[in-house]
Each structure stands twice: as structure tokens, then as C-alpha cells.
N, C-alpha and C. Protein backbone atom coordinates (compact mmCIF):
# COMPACT_ATOMS: atom_id res chain seq x y z
N MET A 1 83.62 83.79 41.75
CA MET A 1 83.12 82.83 40.79
C MET A 1 83.89 83.00 39.48
N ASP A 2 84.30 81.88 38.89
CA ASP A 2 85.03 81.99 37.64
C ASP A 2 84.07 82.12 36.46
N TYR A 3 84.61 82.44 35.30
CA TYR A 3 83.76 82.72 34.13
C TYR A 3 83.01 81.49 33.63
N ILE A 4 83.55 80.28 33.86
CA ILE A 4 82.84 79.05 33.45
C ILE A 4 81.56 78.91 34.28
N GLU A 5 81.68 79.07 35.58
CA GLU A 5 80.50 78.97 36.46
C GLU A 5 79.52 80.10 36.17
N GLU A 6 80.03 81.28 35.89
CA GLU A 6 79.17 82.41 35.56
C GLU A 6 78.38 82.13 34.28
N ALA A 7 79.03 81.55 33.27
CA ALA A 7 78.35 81.19 32.02
C ALA A 7 77.26 80.17 32.29
N LYS A 8 77.56 79.16 33.10
CA LYS A 8 76.57 78.13 33.44
C LYS A 8 75.37 78.75 34.16
N ASN A 9 75.63 79.67 35.08
CA ASN A 9 74.55 80.34 35.80
C ASN A 9 73.67 81.16 34.84
N ILE A 10 74.29 81.87 33.91
CA ILE A 10 73.52 82.67 32.94
C ILE A 10 72.66 81.76 32.08
N LEU A 11 73.21 80.65 31.65
CA LEU A 11 72.43 79.70 30.84
C LEU A 11 71.25 79.15 31.64
N SER A 12 71.50 78.74 32.87
CA SER A 12 70.42 78.21 33.72
C SER A 12 69.34 79.26 33.97
N GLU A 13 69.76 80.49 34.25
CA GLU A 13 68.81 81.57 34.49
C GLU A 13 67.94 81.86 33.26
N ASN A 14 68.43 81.49 32.08
CA ASN A 14 67.69 81.74 30.85
C ASN A 14 67.00 80.50 30.30
N GLY A 15 66.75 79.53 31.19
CA GLY A 15 65.93 78.38 30.83
C GLY A 15 66.66 77.21 30.21
N PHE A 16 67.98 77.25 30.14
CA PHE A 16 68.73 76.11 29.62
C PHE A 16 68.95 75.11 30.74
N GLU A 17 68.91 73.84 30.38
CA GLU A 17 69.11 72.78 31.36
C GLU A 17 70.28 71.91 30.93
N TRP A 18 71.02 71.44 31.92
CA TRP A 18 72.19 70.61 31.68
C TRP A 18 71.74 69.21 31.27
N ASN A 19 72.22 68.73 30.12
CA ASN A 19 71.95 67.36 29.69
C ASN A 19 73.14 66.53 30.15
N VAL A 20 72.92 65.68 31.13
CA VAL A 20 74.00 64.90 31.73
C VAL A 20 74.67 63.99 30.72
N SER A 21 73.90 63.41 29.81
CA SER A 21 74.49 62.46 28.87
C SER A 21 75.35 63.12 27.79
N THR A 22 75.02 64.35 27.38
CA THR A 22 75.81 65.02 26.35
C THR A 22 76.78 66.05 26.91
N GLY A 23 76.52 66.52 28.13
CA GLY A 23 77.36 67.56 28.72
C GLY A 23 77.15 68.92 28.09
N VAL A 24 75.99 69.11 27.44
CA VAL A 24 75.67 70.36 26.76
C VAL A 24 74.35 70.90 27.30
N TYR A 25 74.26 72.22 27.43
CA TYR A 25 73.02 72.83 27.86
C TYR A 25 72.00 72.80 26.73
N GLU A 26 70.74 72.56 27.09
CA GLU A 26 69.65 72.50 26.11
C GLU A 26 68.47 73.29 26.63
N LYS A 27 67.62 73.68 25.70
CA LYS A 27 66.40 74.43 26.05
C LYS A 27 65.29 73.99 25.10
N THR A 28 64.11 73.78 25.64
CA THR A 28 62.97 73.43 24.81
C THR A 28 62.19 74.71 24.55
N ILE A 29 61.93 74.97 23.26
CA ILE A 29 61.17 76.15 22.88
C ILE A 29 59.95 75.73 22.06
N THR A 30 58.96 76.58 22.03
CA THR A 30 57.76 76.34 21.23
C THR A 30 57.84 77.22 19.99
N VAL A 31 57.67 76.59 18.84
CA VAL A 31 57.74 77.30 17.56
C VAL A 31 56.49 77.01 16.75
N PRO A 32 56.12 77.94 15.85
CA PRO A 32 54.96 77.67 15.00
C PRO A 32 55.24 76.46 14.10
N ALA A 33 54.24 75.64 13.93
CA ALA A 33 54.38 74.47 13.06
C ALA A 33 54.27 74.90 11.61
N GLU A 34 55.03 74.25 10.76
CA GLU A 34 54.96 74.51 9.33
C GLU A 34 54.73 73.19 8.63
N SER A 35 53.86 73.21 7.65
CA SER A 35 53.58 72.01 6.88
C SER A 35 54.65 71.86 5.81
N PRO A 36 55.46 70.78 5.85
CA PRO A 36 56.51 70.62 4.86
C PRO A 36 55.98 70.38 3.45
N GLU A 37 54.73 69.91 3.34
CA GLU A 37 54.16 69.62 2.02
C GLU A 37 53.63 70.87 1.33
N ALA A 38 53.25 71.86 2.09
CA ALA A 38 52.61 73.04 1.51
C ALA A 38 53.63 73.93 0.81
N GLU A 39 53.29 74.35 -0.42
CA GLU A 39 54.16 75.28 -1.14
C GLU A 39 53.86 76.71 -0.72
N GLU A 40 52.64 76.96 -0.30
CA GLU A 40 52.25 78.29 0.17
C GLU A 40 51.69 78.15 1.58
N PRO A 41 51.79 79.21 2.35
CA PRO A 41 51.25 79.13 3.72
C PRO A 41 49.77 78.78 3.71
N SER A 42 49.40 77.94 4.63
CA SER A 42 48.02 77.47 4.72
C SER A 42 47.18 78.44 5.55
N GLU A 43 45.91 78.54 5.18
CA GLU A 43 44.97 79.34 5.97
C GLU A 43 44.72 78.64 7.30
N GLU A 44 44.84 77.32 7.26
CA GLU A 44 44.60 76.51 8.45
C GLU A 44 45.80 76.61 9.38
N GLU A 45 45.54 76.96 10.62
CA GLU A 45 46.62 77.13 11.58
C GLU A 45 46.98 75.79 12.20
N LEU A 46 48.25 75.45 12.14
CA LEU A 46 48.73 74.22 12.74
C LEU A 46 49.13 74.49 14.18
N PRO A 47 48.97 73.50 15.05
CA PRO A 47 49.36 73.72 16.46
C PRO A 47 50.88 73.88 16.56
N PRO A 48 51.34 74.71 17.49
CA PRO A 48 52.78 74.90 17.67
C PRO A 48 53.45 73.59 18.09
N VAL A 49 54.73 73.49 17.83
CA VAL A 49 55.48 72.30 18.21
C VAL A 49 56.64 72.69 19.12
N GLU A 50 57.06 71.73 19.91
CA GLU A 50 58.21 71.97 20.78
C GLU A 50 59.47 71.50 20.08
N LYS A 51 60.52 72.28 20.24
CA LYS A 51 61.79 71.98 19.60
C LYS A 51 62.88 72.10 20.66
N LYS A 52 63.80 71.15 20.67
CA LYS A 52 64.90 71.18 21.63
C LYS A 52 66.12 71.81 20.97
N LEU A 53 66.64 72.83 21.61
CA LEU A 53 67.85 73.50 21.13
C LEU A 53 69.02 73.10 22.01
N SER A 54 70.13 72.76 21.40
CA SER A 54 71.34 72.55 22.18
C SER A 54 72.35 73.59 21.75
N LEU A 55 73.15 74.02 22.68
CA LEU A 55 74.13 75.05 22.38
C LEU A 55 75.33 74.41 21.70
N SER A 56 75.40 74.63 20.39
CA SER A 56 76.53 74.09 19.64
C SER A 56 76.78 74.95 18.41
N PHE A 57 78.03 75.04 18.02
CA PHE A 57 78.41 75.77 16.82
C PHE A 57 79.81 75.34 16.42
N SER A 58 80.24 75.81 15.25
CA SER A 58 81.59 75.47 14.79
C SER A 58 82.43 76.73 14.68
N ILE A 59 83.73 76.54 14.85
CA ILE A 59 84.69 77.63 14.73
C ILE A 59 85.47 77.40 13.44
N LEU A 60 85.31 78.30 12.50
CA LEU A 60 85.98 78.21 11.21
C LEU A 60 87.42 78.68 11.35
N VAL A 61 88.34 77.91 10.77
CA VAL A 61 89.75 78.27 10.84
C VAL A 61 90.46 77.79 9.57
N ASN A 62 91.50 78.50 9.19
CA ASN A 62 92.31 78.14 8.04
C ASN A 62 93.18 76.94 8.41
N GLU A 63 93.05 75.84 7.67
CA GLU A 63 93.79 74.62 7.99
C GLU A 63 95.30 74.76 7.82
N GLU A 64 95.73 75.81 7.14
CA GLU A 64 97.16 76.01 6.89
C GLU A 64 97.85 76.72 8.06
N ASN A 65 97.08 77.11 9.08
CA ASN A 65 97.65 77.83 10.21
C ASN A 65 97.49 76.98 11.47
N SER A 66 98.52 76.18 11.78
CA SER A 66 98.43 75.25 12.91
C SER A 66 98.27 75.98 14.24
N PHE A 67 98.83 77.19 14.36
CA PHE A 67 98.70 77.95 15.60
C PHE A 67 97.23 78.31 15.85
N ARG A 68 96.53 78.77 14.82
CA ARG A 68 95.11 79.12 14.98
C ARG A 68 94.25 77.88 15.22
N ILE A 69 94.63 76.77 14.63
CA ILE A 69 93.89 75.53 14.89
C ILE A 69 94.00 75.18 16.37
N GLN A 70 95.21 75.30 16.94
CA GLN A 70 95.40 75.03 18.37
C GLN A 70 94.57 75.98 19.22
N ILE A 71 94.52 77.25 18.84
CA ILE A 71 93.71 78.22 19.58
C ILE A 71 92.24 77.85 19.51
N ALA A 72 91.76 77.52 18.30
CA ALA A 72 90.35 77.14 18.12
C ALA A 72 90.02 75.90 18.96
N GLU A 73 90.92 74.93 18.99
CA GLU A 73 90.70 73.73 19.80
C GLU A 73 90.66 74.06 21.28
N ALA A 74 91.51 74.98 21.73
CA ALA A 74 91.50 75.40 23.14
C ALA A 74 90.20 76.13 23.47
N ILE A 75 89.72 76.97 22.56
CA ILE A 75 88.45 77.66 22.76
C ILE A 75 87.32 76.64 22.86
N ALA A 76 87.32 75.65 21.97
CA ALA A 76 86.28 74.61 21.97
C ALA A 76 86.29 73.83 23.28
N ARG A 77 87.48 73.48 23.78
CA ARG A 77 87.57 72.76 25.06
C ARG A 77 87.02 73.61 26.21
N THR A 78 87.33 74.89 26.21
CA THR A 78 86.85 75.78 27.27
C THR A 78 85.33 75.93 27.21
N LEU A 79 84.80 76.09 26.00
CA LEU A 79 83.34 76.20 25.85
C LEU A 79 82.65 74.92 26.32
N LYS A 80 83.25 73.77 26.07
CA LYS A 80 82.67 72.49 26.50
C LYS A 80 82.54 72.46 28.03
N LEU A 81 83.52 73.05 28.72
CA LEU A 81 83.45 73.12 30.18
C LEU A 81 82.24 73.92 30.64
N ALA A 82 81.81 74.88 29.80
CA ALA A 82 80.66 75.71 30.13
C ALA A 82 79.36 75.12 29.59
N GLY A 83 79.44 73.92 28.98
CA GLY A 83 78.23 73.27 28.49
C GLY A 83 77.84 73.68 27.08
N ILE A 84 78.79 74.18 26.31
CA ILE A 84 78.53 74.60 24.94
C ILE A 84 79.41 73.75 24.02
N GLN A 85 78.79 73.04 23.09
CA GLN A 85 79.53 72.18 22.17
C GLN A 85 80.05 73.02 21.01
N ALA A 86 81.36 73.07 20.86
CA ALA A 86 81.97 73.80 19.75
C ALA A 86 82.93 72.88 19.04
N GLY A 87 82.79 72.80 17.74
CA GLY A 87 83.70 72.02 16.93
C GLY A 87 84.59 72.94 16.12
N VAL A 88 85.72 72.43 15.69
CA VAL A 88 86.65 73.20 14.87
C VAL A 88 86.50 72.73 13.43
N LYS A 89 86.25 73.68 12.55
CA LYS A 89 86.10 73.38 11.12
C LYS A 89 87.31 73.98 10.40
N ALA A 90 88.34 73.15 10.17
CA ALA A 90 89.55 73.59 9.49
C ALA A 90 89.38 73.35 7.99
N VAL A 91 89.48 74.41 7.21
CA VAL A 91 89.28 74.32 5.77
C VAL A 91 90.44 74.97 5.04
N SER A 92 90.54 74.71 3.73
CA SER A 92 91.60 75.32 2.94
C SER A 92 91.45 76.84 2.97
N PHE A 93 92.52 77.54 2.65
CA PHE A 93 92.49 78.99 2.68
C PHE A 93 91.43 79.53 1.72
N GLU A 94 91.28 78.91 0.55
CA GLU A 94 90.28 79.35 -0.42
C GLU A 94 88.86 79.20 0.14
N GLU A 95 88.58 78.04 0.77
CA GLU A 95 87.27 77.82 1.38
C GLU A 95 87.03 78.80 2.54
N TYR A 96 88.09 79.05 3.30
CA TYR A 96 88.03 79.96 4.43
C TYR A 96 87.67 81.36 3.97
N GLU A 97 88.39 81.86 2.95
CA GLU A 97 88.11 83.20 2.42
C GLU A 97 86.69 83.30 1.89
N LYS A 98 86.23 82.26 1.20
CA LYS A 98 84.88 82.26 0.64
C LYS A 98 83.84 82.30 1.76
N ALA A 99 84.02 81.47 2.78
CA ALA A 99 83.08 81.45 3.90
C ALA A 99 83.03 82.80 4.62
N ILE A 100 84.19 83.43 4.81
CA ILE A 100 84.24 84.74 5.46
C ILE A 100 83.51 85.76 4.60
N ALA A 101 83.79 85.78 3.30
CA ALA A 101 83.16 86.75 2.40
C ALA A 101 81.65 86.58 2.35
N GLU A 102 81.18 85.34 2.40
CA GLU A 102 79.74 85.06 2.33
C GLU A 102 79.06 85.14 3.69
N GLY A 103 79.86 85.18 4.75
CA GLY A 103 79.28 85.19 6.10
C GLY A 103 78.69 83.83 6.46
N SER A 104 79.17 82.76 5.83
CA SER A 104 78.62 81.43 6.07
C SER A 104 79.46 80.67 7.09
N TYR A 105 79.40 81.11 8.33
CA TYR A 105 80.11 80.47 9.43
C TYR A 105 79.41 80.87 10.73
N ASP A 106 79.59 80.04 11.76
CA ASP A 106 79.04 80.37 13.08
C ASP A 106 79.98 81.33 13.79
N ALA A 107 81.26 80.96 13.85
CA ALA A 107 82.31 81.79 14.42
C ALA A 107 83.56 81.53 13.59
N ALA A 108 84.42 82.52 13.51
CA ALA A 108 85.64 82.36 12.73
C ALA A 108 86.81 82.91 13.51
N LEU A 109 87.92 82.20 13.46
CA LEU A 109 89.14 82.67 14.08
C LEU A 109 89.94 83.36 12.98
N CYS A 110 90.05 84.67 13.09
CA CYS A 110 90.68 85.48 12.05
C CYS A 110 91.79 86.32 12.66
N SER A 111 92.52 86.95 11.79
CA SER A 111 93.47 87.94 12.24
C SER A 111 93.28 89.18 11.39
N MET A 112 93.67 90.27 11.93
CA MET A 112 93.62 91.51 11.18
C MET A 112 94.82 92.35 11.55
N ALA A 113 95.37 92.97 10.55
CA ALA A 113 96.52 93.84 10.78
C ALA A 113 96.03 95.28 10.83
N LEU A 114 96.34 95.94 11.92
CA LEU A 114 95.98 97.35 12.02
C LEU A 114 96.93 98.16 11.15
N PRO A 115 96.40 99.09 10.38
CA PRO A 115 97.29 99.92 9.56
C PRO A 115 98.18 100.78 10.46
N GLU A 116 99.32 101.16 9.93
CA GLU A 116 100.27 101.96 10.73
C GLU A 116 99.66 103.27 11.21
N ASN A 117 98.73 103.84 10.44
CA ASN A 117 98.13 105.11 10.84
C ASN A 117 96.91 104.91 11.75
N ASN A 118 96.64 103.66 12.13
CA ASN A 118 95.52 103.30 13.00
C ASN A 118 94.16 103.71 12.44
N ASP A 119 94.07 103.89 11.13
CA ASP A 119 92.80 104.20 10.48
C ASP A 119 92.00 102.91 10.36
N LEU A 120 90.92 102.80 11.10
CA LEU A 120 90.12 101.58 11.13
C LEU A 120 88.96 101.60 10.14
N SER A 121 88.88 102.64 9.31
CA SER A 121 87.72 102.75 8.42
C SER A 121 87.60 101.56 7.47
N CYS A 122 88.72 100.94 7.11
CA CYS A 122 88.66 99.78 6.22
C CYS A 122 87.89 98.62 6.86
N PHE A 123 87.87 98.53 8.18
CA PHE A 123 87.17 97.45 8.85
C PHE A 123 85.65 97.65 8.83
N ALA A 124 85.19 98.89 8.75
CA ALA A 124 83.77 99.19 8.74
C ALA A 124 83.25 99.42 7.33
N ALA A 125 84.13 99.39 6.34
CA ALA A 125 83.71 99.60 4.95
C ALA A 125 82.90 98.41 4.47
N PRO A 126 82.12 98.56 3.40
CA PRO A 126 81.39 97.41 2.86
C PRO A 126 82.37 96.26 2.59
N GLY A 127 82.02 95.09 3.11
CA GLY A 127 82.90 93.93 2.98
C GLY A 127 83.92 93.83 4.09
N GLY A 128 84.04 94.87 4.92
CA GLY A 128 84.98 94.83 6.04
C GLY A 128 84.47 93.93 7.15
N ILE A 129 85.37 93.40 7.95
CA ILE A 129 85.00 92.44 8.97
C ILE A 129 84.07 93.02 10.04
N CYS A 130 84.12 94.34 10.25
CA CYS A 130 83.26 94.97 11.25
C CYS A 130 82.04 95.63 10.63
N ASN A 131 81.79 95.38 9.37
CA ASN A 131 80.63 95.96 8.72
C ASN A 131 79.41 95.13 9.11
N THR A 132 78.70 95.61 10.12
CA THR A 132 77.54 94.89 10.63
C THR A 132 76.24 95.37 9.99
N GLY A 133 76.34 96.22 8.99
CA GLY A 133 75.14 96.77 8.36
C GLY A 133 74.66 98.01 9.08
N SER A 134 75.31 98.38 10.15
CA SER A 134 74.93 99.56 10.91
C SER A 134 75.88 100.70 10.58
N LEU A 135 75.33 101.88 10.50
CA LEU A 135 76.17 103.05 10.26
C LEU A 135 76.87 103.51 11.53
N GLU A 136 76.42 102.99 12.67
CA GLU A 136 77.00 103.43 13.94
C GLU A 136 78.49 103.13 14.03
N GLY A 137 78.90 101.89 13.67
CA GLY A 137 80.31 101.53 13.73
C GLY A 137 81.16 102.43 12.86
N LYS A 138 80.69 102.67 11.63
CA LYS A 138 81.45 103.52 10.71
C LYS A 138 81.53 104.95 11.23
N SER A 139 80.44 105.46 11.79
CA SER A 139 80.48 106.83 12.30
C SER A 139 81.39 106.95 13.53
N LEU A 140 81.44 105.92 14.34
CA LEU A 140 82.33 105.95 15.51
C LEU A 140 83.79 105.91 15.07
N ILE A 141 84.08 105.13 14.04
CA ILE A 141 85.45 105.09 13.52
C ILE A 141 85.82 106.43 12.89
N THR A 142 84.87 107.02 12.17
CA THR A 142 85.11 108.34 11.58
C THR A 142 85.38 109.38 12.66
N ALA A 143 84.65 109.30 13.76
CA ALA A 143 84.84 110.25 14.86
C ALA A 143 86.27 110.19 15.40
N ILE A 144 86.87 109.03 15.40
CA ILE A 144 88.26 108.90 15.86
C ILE A 144 89.19 109.64 14.90
N SER A 145 88.97 109.43 13.61
CA SER A 145 89.90 110.01 12.63
C SER A 145 89.77 111.52 12.52
N VAL A 146 88.62 112.08 12.86
CA VAL A 146 88.45 113.54 12.73
C VAL A 146 88.63 114.28 14.05
N SER A 147 88.84 113.53 15.14
CA SER A 147 89.03 114.20 16.43
C SER A 147 90.33 115.00 16.40
N GLU A 148 90.26 116.16 17.00
CA GLU A 148 91.41 117.09 16.94
C GLU A 148 92.25 117.12 18.20
N THR A 149 91.66 116.77 19.32
CA THR A 149 92.42 116.81 20.56
C THR A 149 92.55 115.40 21.13
N TYR A 150 93.49 115.26 22.06
CA TYR A 150 93.69 114.00 22.73
C TYR A 150 92.41 113.56 23.44
N GLU A 151 91.75 114.48 24.13
CA GLU A 151 90.53 114.16 24.87
C GLU A 151 89.40 113.71 23.93
N GLU A 152 89.26 114.39 22.79
CA GLU A 152 88.24 113.99 21.82
C GLU A 152 88.52 112.58 21.29
N ARG A 153 89.79 112.32 20.98
CA ARG A 153 90.18 111.00 20.45
C ARG A 153 89.96 109.92 21.50
N LYS A 154 90.33 110.22 22.73
CA LYS A 154 90.16 109.26 23.83
C LYS A 154 88.68 108.94 24.01
N GLU A 155 87.83 109.96 24.01
CA GLU A 155 86.38 109.75 24.16
C GLU A 155 85.83 108.95 22.98
N ALA A 156 86.30 109.24 21.78
CA ALA A 156 85.83 108.52 20.59
C ALA A 156 86.22 107.04 20.66
N TRP A 157 87.44 106.75 21.13
CA TRP A 157 87.86 105.35 21.28
C TRP A 157 87.01 104.64 22.33
N PHE A 158 86.68 105.31 23.43
CA PHE A 158 85.83 104.70 24.45
C PHE A 158 84.45 104.38 23.90
N ARG A 159 83.90 105.29 23.07
CA ARG A 159 82.58 105.04 22.47
C ARG A 159 82.65 103.85 21.51
N LEU A 160 83.74 103.75 20.73
CA LEU A 160 83.90 102.61 19.82
C LEU A 160 84.04 101.32 20.61
N GLU A 161 84.80 101.36 21.69
CA GLU A 161 84.95 100.17 22.53
C GLU A 161 83.60 99.73 23.09
N GLY A 162 82.78 100.69 23.53
CA GLY A 162 81.44 100.36 24.03
C GLY A 162 80.57 99.74 22.96
N TYR A 163 80.66 100.27 21.74
CA TYR A 163 79.92 99.71 20.61
C TYR A 163 80.34 98.26 20.36
N PHE A 164 81.65 98.01 20.40
CA PHE A 164 82.13 96.65 20.18
C PHE A 164 81.64 95.72 21.29
N ARG A 165 81.65 96.19 22.53
CA ARG A 165 81.17 95.35 23.64
C ARG A 165 79.70 95.02 23.47
N GLU A 166 78.91 95.97 22.99
CA GLU A 166 77.47 95.76 22.84
C GLU A 166 77.12 94.93 21.61
N SER A 167 77.74 95.22 20.47
CA SER A 167 77.34 94.55 19.23
C SER A 167 78.19 93.31 18.92
N LEU A 168 79.38 93.24 19.47
CA LEU A 168 80.30 92.13 19.28
C LEU A 168 80.46 91.66 17.83
N PRO A 169 80.79 92.58 16.92
CA PRO A 169 81.07 92.11 15.57
C PRO A 169 82.36 91.28 15.55
N VAL A 170 83.26 91.61 16.46
CA VAL A 170 84.50 90.85 16.62
C VAL A 170 84.86 90.85 18.10
N ILE A 171 85.60 89.84 18.50
CA ILE A 171 86.12 89.78 19.87
C ILE A 171 87.62 89.62 19.75
N SER A 172 88.36 90.53 20.33
CA SER A 172 89.81 90.46 20.28
C SER A 172 90.28 89.48 21.36
N LEU A 173 91.01 88.45 20.92
CA LEU A 173 91.50 87.45 21.87
C LEU A 173 92.91 87.76 22.34
N TYR A 174 93.74 88.25 21.43
CA TYR A 174 95.11 88.54 21.80
C TYR A 174 95.77 89.36 20.71
N PHE A 175 96.90 89.96 21.07
CA PHE A 175 97.75 90.64 20.11
C PHE A 175 99.00 89.80 19.97
N GLU A 176 99.34 89.45 18.75
CA GLU A 176 100.52 88.60 18.52
C GLU A 176 101.81 89.33 18.85
N LYS A 177 101.81 90.63 18.60
CA LYS A 177 102.99 91.45 18.92
C LYS A 177 102.63 92.37 20.07
N SER A 178 103.65 92.82 20.78
CA SER A 178 103.38 93.61 21.98
C SER A 178 103.10 95.07 21.69
N SER A 179 103.27 95.51 20.46
CA SER A 179 103.01 96.93 20.17
C SER A 179 102.05 97.06 19.02
N LEU A 180 101.37 98.19 18.98
CA LEU A 180 100.44 98.47 17.88
C LEU A 180 101.08 99.40 16.88
């Protein structure tokens, strides 16, 4: 089974249904009702309401980088095959940097240059792209830098890789150059 079919199966297993007219998976959920007129929460309980969710988001990209725009468009096309609507939001570099700094994006296509000494601590530092608010990422990166033997370093990298797979602060799509 290919990854598109696997994604569709996971969505179906989790209560999403294919909308034939839009080509996007949707799910109806029940949420607490809120009175839009009330300034403060009411003592009176309102009945819950049903809300339809569709899987859609935008991919933020710097409009000055045509290569990344093409990649974002290819990602959006692939996600559409899996029933997920993804649009590409190409903005100026200034808007892009601001959105990244504020965390005001659904997904962003970014690049990062690994330092020559492979010290990744800058990525987990406050404001770093991998700073998820958890100390775990930073401690795993620190473990790599303080490891003394090849085996310790190898084990530390495996633990960091596992953390990335579980928390997904970033997903590496490709390396532009063949060496690190």
C-alpha cells in the first residue's frame, strides 16, 4: 500500500469521511456552545453544537524563492491526493520572517544551515526553530555535544531522532547538498 492510501485509511479509521464534492476529508465533532453575545460565561448551560471540520491548512513560503514555491506546490498537490486541502501562501521575506518569529502559520517551508561543528543547540535555543517549549529537545542536543565516545554520540543522535519523530517540530524533506 502506498503512503497516499495509508493516509486515507488512517483518516477513515479516525472518523473522517470523504466529501465527494470537495475531495477533502471531513469530520463532524460536537463542541460546547458559546453565546456570542455574552461577555462573561453564562451560568446557564447551552446545548452542545455540531461542527464540521475539513482538513485544510496553508504552507507559508518566501515568495522570493521560486524553488521553494515549487516544492510547496508539489506538497500541496500530494496532500490533495490524500484528501487534505493545502494552499501555498507566498509572502515577502519580511512577512515570512515575522510569521515564523510569531509562530503564525500552519506549516512553513524553511531551510536551515547546519553549523560546521554540527552543534545543534542554536535550533533548540529560545527563538530557535526546534524550540517547542520542552526541555527534552535541548537536553537531547546537549547530550550529543557532551558525549565522549562514538557509541555515546551515536546513541544520543538516535534518541534525538526519536524525539523528532514523536514531536515533529520539523520534518526534513531533503538536503540541498550531498554532504553535511
